[in-house]
Amino acid sequence: MIICSAVQRIYERQENRYWEFVQKKFRRIIDLDDKRLKDYGVYYDDKNLLTLEKIKNSL
């Protein structure tokens, strides 16, 4: 539950303090709604880390 709420907080409240704490537990986050670059969304992983700065433009 903590991990889901950390992802929710970075998207809805734009708070990244919880996400920074648990982000190492994820291999990949797929943002299906962010279609700025690809039709299928954006993949966030070790090569493309999910940060608040990256998603601010998609919100």
PDB file of N, CA and C in Angstrom:
ATOM      1  N   MET A   1       0.818  -1.202   0.000  1.00  0.00           N
ATOM      2  CA  MET A   1       0.000   0.000   0.000  1.00  0.00           C
ATOM      3  C   MET A   1       0.857   1.259   0.000  1.00  0.00           C
ATOM      4  N   ILE A   2       1.962   1.235   0.701  1.00  0.00           N
ATOM      5  CA  ILE A   2       2.823   2.411   0.756  1.00  0.00           C
ATOM      6  C   ILE A   2       3.371   2.741  -0.625  1.00  0.00           C
ATOM      7  N   ILE A   3       3.728   1.709  -1.377  1.00  0.00           N
ATOM      8  CA  ILE A   3       4.298   1.932  -2.700  1.00  0.00           C
ATOM      9  C   ILE A   3       3.262   2.537  -3.636  1.00  0.00           C
ATOM     10  N   CYS A   4       2.047   2.041  -3.618  1.00  0.00           N
ATOM     11  CA  CYS A   4       0.990   2.590  -4.479  1.00  0.00           C
ATOM     12  C   CYS A   4       0.704   4.044  -4.131  1.00  0.00           C
ATOM     13  N   SER A   5       0.697   4.359  -2.869  1.00  0.00           N
ATOM     14  CA  SER A   5       0.423   5.739  -2.487  1.00  0.00           C
ATOM     15  C   SER A   5       1.591   6.649  -2.836  1.00  0.00           C
ATOM     16  N   ALA A   6       2.808   6.120  -2.875  1.00  0.00           N
ATOM     17  CA  ALA A   6       3.960   6.927  -3.283  1.00  0.00           C
ATOM     18  C   ALA A   6       3.852   7.306  -4.750  1.00  0.00           C
ATOM     19  N   VAL A   7       3.432   6.371  -5.580  1.00  0.00           N
ATOM     20  CA  VAL A   7       3.237   6.660  -7.005  1.00  0.00           C
ATOM     21  C   VAL A   7       2.079   7.638  -7.177  1.00  0.00           C
ATOM     22  N   GLN A   8       1.018   7.444  -6.428  1.00  0.00           N
ATOM     23  CA  GLN A   8      -0.133   8.338  -6.508  1.00  0.00           C
ATOM     24  C   GLN A   8       0.250   9.758  -6.091  1.00  0.00           C
ATOM     25  N   ARG A   9       1.049   9.889  -5.061  1.00  0.00           N
ATOM     26  CA  ARG A   9       1.433  11.217  -4.583  1.00  0.00           C
ATOM     27  C   ARG A   9       2.277  11.985  -5.594  1.00  0.00           C
ATOM     28  N   ILE A  10       3.156  11.290  -6.295  1.00  0.00           N
ATOM     29  CA  ILE A  10       3.987  12.013  -7.265  1.00  0.00           C
ATOM     30  C   ILE A  10       3.138  12.520  -8.422  1.00  0.00           C
ATOM     31  N   TYR A  11       2.108  11.789  -8.803  1.00  0.00           N
ATOM     32  CA  TYR A  11       1.250  12.219  -9.911  1.00  0.00           C
ATOM     33  C   TYR A  11       0.175  13.201  -9.471  1.00  0.00           C
ATOM     34  N   GLU A  12      -0.495  12.950  -8.371  1.00  0.00           N
ATOM     35  CA  GLU A  12      -1.636  13.779  -7.984  1.00  0.00           C
ATOM     36  C   GLU A  12      -1.259  14.991  -7.146  1.00  0.00           C
ATOM     37  N   ARG A  13      -0.354  14.823  -6.206  1.00  0.00           N
ATOM     38  CA  ARG A  13       0.009  15.921  -5.311  1.00  0.00           C
ATOM     39  C   ARG A  13       1.344  16.565  -5.660  1.00  0.00           C
ATOM     40  N   GLN A  14       2.055  15.972  -6.614  1.00  0.00           N
ATOM     41  CA  GLN A  14       3.379  16.422  -7.018  1.00  0.00           C
ATOM     42  C   GLN A  14       4.345  16.457  -5.835  1.00  0.00           C
ATOM     43  N   GLU A  15       4.275  15.417  -5.015  1.00  0.00           N
ATOM     44  CA  GLU A  15       5.197  15.222  -3.892  1.00  0.00           C
ATOM     45  C   GLU A  15       6.084  14.036  -4.221  1.00  0.00           C
ATOM     46  N   ASN A  16       7.381  14.232  -4.216  1.00  0.00           N
ATOM     47  CA  ASN A  16       8.256  13.124  -4.568  1.00  0.00           C
ATOM     48  C   ASN A  16       9.037  12.545  -3.393  1.00  0.00           C
ATOM     49  N   ARG A  17       8.830  13.015  -2.186  1.00  0.00           N
ATOM     50  CA  ARG A  17       9.613  12.520  -1.047  1.00  0.00           C
ATOM     51  C   ARG A  17       9.340  11.048  -0.762  1.00  0.00           C
ATOM     52  N   TYR A  18       8.113  10.588  -0.893  1.00  0.00           N
ATOM     53  CA  TYR A  18       7.813   9.173  -0.673  1.00  0.00           C
ATOM     54  C   TYR A  18       8.305   8.328  -1.843  1.00  0.00           C
ATOM     55  N   TRP A  19       8.169   8.851  -3.048  1.00  0.00           N
ATOM     56  CA  TRP A  19       8.632   8.125  -4.229  1.00  0.00           C
ATOM     57  C   TRP A  19      10.142   7.903  -4.163  1.00  0.00           C
ATOM     58  N   GLU A  20      10.899   8.896  -3.763  1.00  0.00           N
ATOM     59  CA  GLU A  20      12.349   8.745  -3.658  1.00  0.00           C
ATOM     60  C   GLU A  20      12.724   7.656  -2.664  1.00  0.00           C
ATOM     61  N   PHE A  21      11.912   7.462  -1.666  1.00  0.00           N
ATOM     62  CA  PHE A  21      12.169   6.444  -0.652  1.00  0.00           C
ATOM     63  C   PHE A  21      11.945   5.027  -1.185  1.00  0.00           C
ATOM     64  N   VAL A  22      10.966   4.818  -2.061  1.00  0.00           N
ATOM     65  CA  VAL A  22      10.603   3.459  -2.511  1.00  0.00           C
ATOM     66  C   VAL A  22      10.945   3.169  -3.974  1.00  0.00           C
ATOM     67  N   GLN A  23      11.497   4.101  -4.691  1.00  0.00           N
ATOM     68  CA  GLN A  23      11.682   3.914  -6.134  1.00  0.00           C
ATOM     69  C   GLN A  23      12.599   2.753  -6.485  1.00  0.00           C
ATOM     70  N   LYS A  24      13.509   2.358  -5.642  1.00  0.00           N
ATOM     71  CA  LYS A  24      14.408   1.233  -5.920  1.00  0.00           C
ATOM     72  C   LYS A  24      13.663  -0.104  -5.937  1.00  0.00           C
ATOM     73  N   LYS A  25      12.461  -0.151  -5.420  1.00  0.00           N
ATOM     74  CA  LYS A  25      11.677  -1.384  -5.393  1.00  0.00           C
ATOM     75  C   LYS A  25      10.976  -1.661  -6.728  1.00  0.00           C
ATOM     76  N   PHE A  26      11.001  -0.704  -7.642  1.00  0.00           N
ATOM     77  CA  PHE A  26      10.343  -0.842  -8.939  1.00  0.00           C
ATOM     78  C   PHE A  26      11.352  -1.140 -10.029  1.00  0.00           C
ATOM     79  N   ARG A  27      10.970  -1.979 -10.955  1.00  0.00           N
ATOM     80  CA  ARG A  27      11.778  -2.187 -12.159  1.00  0.00           C
ATOM     81  C   ARG A  27      11.285  -1.297 -13.283  1.00  0.00           C
ATOM     82  N   ARG A  28       9.968  -1.147 -13.377  1.00  0.00           N
ATOM     83  CA  ARG A  28       9.410  -0.357 -14.471  1.00  0.00           C
ATOM     84  C   ARG A  28       8.055   0.217 -14.068  1.00  0.00           C
ATOM     85  N   ILE A  29       7.852   1.462 -14.417  1.00  0.00           N
ATOM     86  CA  ILE A  29       6.559   2.131 -14.284  1.00  0.00           C
ATOM     87  C   ILE A  29       6.130   2.500 -15.702  1.00  0.00           C
ATOM     88  N   ILE A  30       4.917   2.184 -16.066  1.00  0.00           N
ATOM     89  CA  ILE A  30       4.417   2.501 -17.399  1.00  0.00           C
ATOM     90  C   ILE A  30       3.299   3.536 -17.262  1.00  0.00           C
ATOM     91  N   ASP A  31       3.527   4.689 -17.819  1.00  0.00           N
ATOM     92  CA  ASP A  31       2.530   5.759 -17.812  1.00  0.00           C
ATOM     93  C   ASP A  31       1.792   5.720 -19.149  1.00  0.00           C
ATOM     94  N   LEU A  32       0.656   5.058 -19.172  1.00  0.00           N
ATOM     95  CA  LEU A  32      -0.106   4.889 -20.414  1.00  0.00           C
ATOM     96  C   LEU A  32      -0.769   6.178 -20.888  1.00  0.00           C
ATOM     97  N   ASP A  33      -0.956   7.126 -19.990  1.00  0.00           N
ATOM     98  CA  ASP A  33      -1.630   8.370 -20.349  1.00  0.00           C
ATOM     99  C   ASP A  33      -0.697   9.417 -20.946  1.00  0.00           C
ATOM    100  N   ASP A  34       0.590   9.304 -20.706  1.00  0.00           N
ATOM    101  CA  ASP A  34       1.559  10.275 -21.219  1.00  0.00           C
ATOM    102  C   ASP A  34       1.972   9.869 -22.631  1.00  0.00           C
ATOM    103  N   LYS A  35       1.320  10.448 -23.606  1.00  0.00           N
ATOM    104  CA  LYS A  35       1.572  10.083 -25.006  1.00  0.00           C
ATOM    105  C   LYS A  35       2.303  11.197 -25.743  1.00  0.00           C
ATOM    106  N   ARG A  36       3.116  11.943 -25.026  1.00  0.00           N
ATOM    107  CA  ARG A  36       3.881  13.016 -25.664  1.00  0.00           C
ATOM    108  C   ARG A  36       4.932  12.468 -26.618  1.00  0.00           C
ATOM    109  N   LEU A  37       5.531  11.328 -26.287  1.00  0.00           N
ATOM    110  CA  LEU A  37       6.617  10.773 -27.105  1.00  0.00           C
ATOM    111  C   LEU A  37       6.195   9.575 -27.944  1.00  0.00           C
ATOM    112  N   LYS A  38       5.402   8.685 -27.366  1.00  0.00           N
ATOM    113  CA  LYS A  38       4.986   7.453 -28.056  1.00  0.00           C
ATOM    114  C   LYS A  38       3.483   7.261 -27.880  1.00  0.00           C
ATOM    115  N   ASP A  39       2.863   6.546 -28.800  1.00  0.00           N
ATOM    116  CA  ASP A  39       1.423   6.288 -28.723  1.00  0.00           C
ATOM    117  C   ASP A  39       1.049   5.362 -27.573  1.00  0.00           C
ATOM    118  N   TYR A  40       1.976   4.553 -27.125  1.00  0.00           N
ATOM    119  CA  TYR A  40       1.700   3.585 -26.064  1.00  0.00           C
ATOM    120  C   TYR A  40       2.080   4.099 -24.680  1.00  0.00           C
ATOM    121  N   GLY A  41       2.542   5.321 -24.565  1.00  0.00           N
ATOM    122  CA  GLY A  41       2.888   5.894 -23.278  1.00  0.00           C
ATOM    123  C   GLY A  41       4.389   5.960 -23.063  1.00  0.00           C
ATOM    124  N   VAL A  42       4.779   6.147 -21.814  1.00  0.00           N
ATOM    125  CA  VAL A  42       6.187   6.290 -21.452  1.00  0.00           C
ATOM    126  C   VAL A  42       6.556   5.224 -20.438  1.00  0.00           C
ATOM    127  N   TYR A  43       7.708   4.611 -20.641  1.00  0.00           N
ATOM    128  CA  TYR A  43       8.243   3.631 -19.694  1.00  0.00           C
ATOM    129  C   TYR A  43       9.304   4.317 -18.845  1.00  0.00           C
ATOM    130  N   TYR A  44       9.185   4.165 -17.546  1.00  0.00           N
ATOM    131  CA  TYR A  44      10.197   4.660 -16.627  1.00  0.00           C
ATOM    132  C   TYR A  44      10.874   3.451 -16.000  1.00  0.00           C
ATOM    133  N   ASP A  45      12.203   3.412 -16.074  1.00  0.00           N
ATOM    134  CA  ASP A  45      12.973   2.303 -15.513  1.00  0.00           C
ATOM    135  C   ASP A  45      14.353   2.820 -15.112  1.00  0.00           C
ATOM    136  N   ASP A  46      15.347   1.926 -15.022  1.00  0.00           N
ATOM    137  CA  ASP A  46      16.691   2.332 -14.612  1.00  0.00           C
ATOM    138  C   ASP A  46      17.329   3.314 -15.594  1.00  0.00           C
ATOM    139  N   LYS A  47      16.996   3.194 -16.860  1.00  0.00           N
ATOM    140  CA  LYS A  47      17.570   4.074 -17.875  1.00  0.00           C
ATOM    141  C   LYS A  47      16.838   5.405 -17.964  1.00  0.00           C
ATOM    142  N   ASN A  48      15.578   5.410 -17.622  1.00  0.00           N
ATOM    143  CA  ASN A  48      14.740   6.606 -17.672  1.00  0.00           C
ATOM    144  C   ASN A  48      13.989   6.697 -16.344  1.00  0.00           C
ATOM    145  N   LEU A  49      14.611   7.289 -15.351  1.00  0.00           N
ATOM    146  CA  LEU A  49      14.033   7.339 -14.009  1.00  0.00           C
ATOM    147  C   LEU A  49      12.827   8.272 -13.956  1.00  0.00           C
ATOM    148  N   LEU A  50      11.832   7.862 -13.197  1.00  0.00           N
ATOM    149  CA  LEU A  50      10.645   8.685 -12.979  1.00  0.00           C
ATOM    150  C   LEU A  50      10.998   9.785 -11.987  1.00  0.00           C
ATOM    151  N   THR A  51      10.878  11.015 -12.432  1.00  0.00           N
ATOM    152  CA  THR A  51      11.108  12.163 -11.561  1.00  0.00           C
ATOM    153  C   THR A  51       9.941  13.127 -11.704  1.00  0.00           C
ATOM    154  N   LEU A  52       9.769  13.940 -10.726  1.00  0.00           N
ATOM    155  CA  LEU A  52       8.690  14.927 -10.745  1.00  0.00           C
ATOM    156  C   LEU A  52       8.866  15.902 -11.910  1.00  0.00           C
ATOM    157  N   GLU A  53      10.089  16.275 -12.199  1.00  0.00           N
ATOM    158  CA  GLU A  53      10.354  17.208 -13.289  1.00  0.00           C
ATOM    159  C   GLU A  53       9.924  16.632 -14.642  1.00  0.00           C
ATOM    160  N   LYS A  54      10.111  15.331 -14.834  1.00  0.00           N
ATOM    161  CA  LYS A  54       9.753  14.704 -16.109  1.00  0.00           C
ATOM    162  C   LYS A  54       8.244  14.633 -16.319  1.00  0.00           C
ATOM    163  N   ILE A  55       7.485  14.451 -15.255  1.00  0.00           N
ATOM    164  CA  ILE A  55       6.042  14.290 -15.432  1.00  0.00           C
ATOM    165  C   ILE A  55       5.264  15.594 -15.287  1.00  0.00           C
ATOM    166  N   LYS A  56       5.902  16.662 -14.847  1.00  0.00           N
ATOM    167  CA  LYS A  56       5.175  17.923 -14.670  1.00  0.00           C
ATOM    168  C   LYS A  56       4.522  18.403 -15.959  1.00  0.00           C
ATOM    169  N   ASN A  57       5.186  18.233 -17.073  1.00  0.00           N
ATOM    170  CA  ASN A  57       4.622  18.701 -18.346  1.00  0.00           C
ATOM    171  C   ASN A  57       3.465  17.849 -18.826  1.00  0.00           C
ATOM    172  N   SER A  58       3.363  16.629 -18.322  1.00  0.00           N
ATOM    173  CA  SER A  58       2.271  15.751 -18.764  1.00  0.00           C
ATOM    174  C   SER A  58       1.034  15.883 -17.889  1.00  0.00           C
ATOM    175  N   LEU A  59       1.134  16.583 -16.785  1.00  0.00           N
ATOM    176  CA  LEU A  59       0.001  16.691 -15.855  1.00  0.00           C
ATOM    177  C   LEU A  59      -0.948  17.793 -16.253  1.00  0.00           C
TER     178      LEU A  59
END
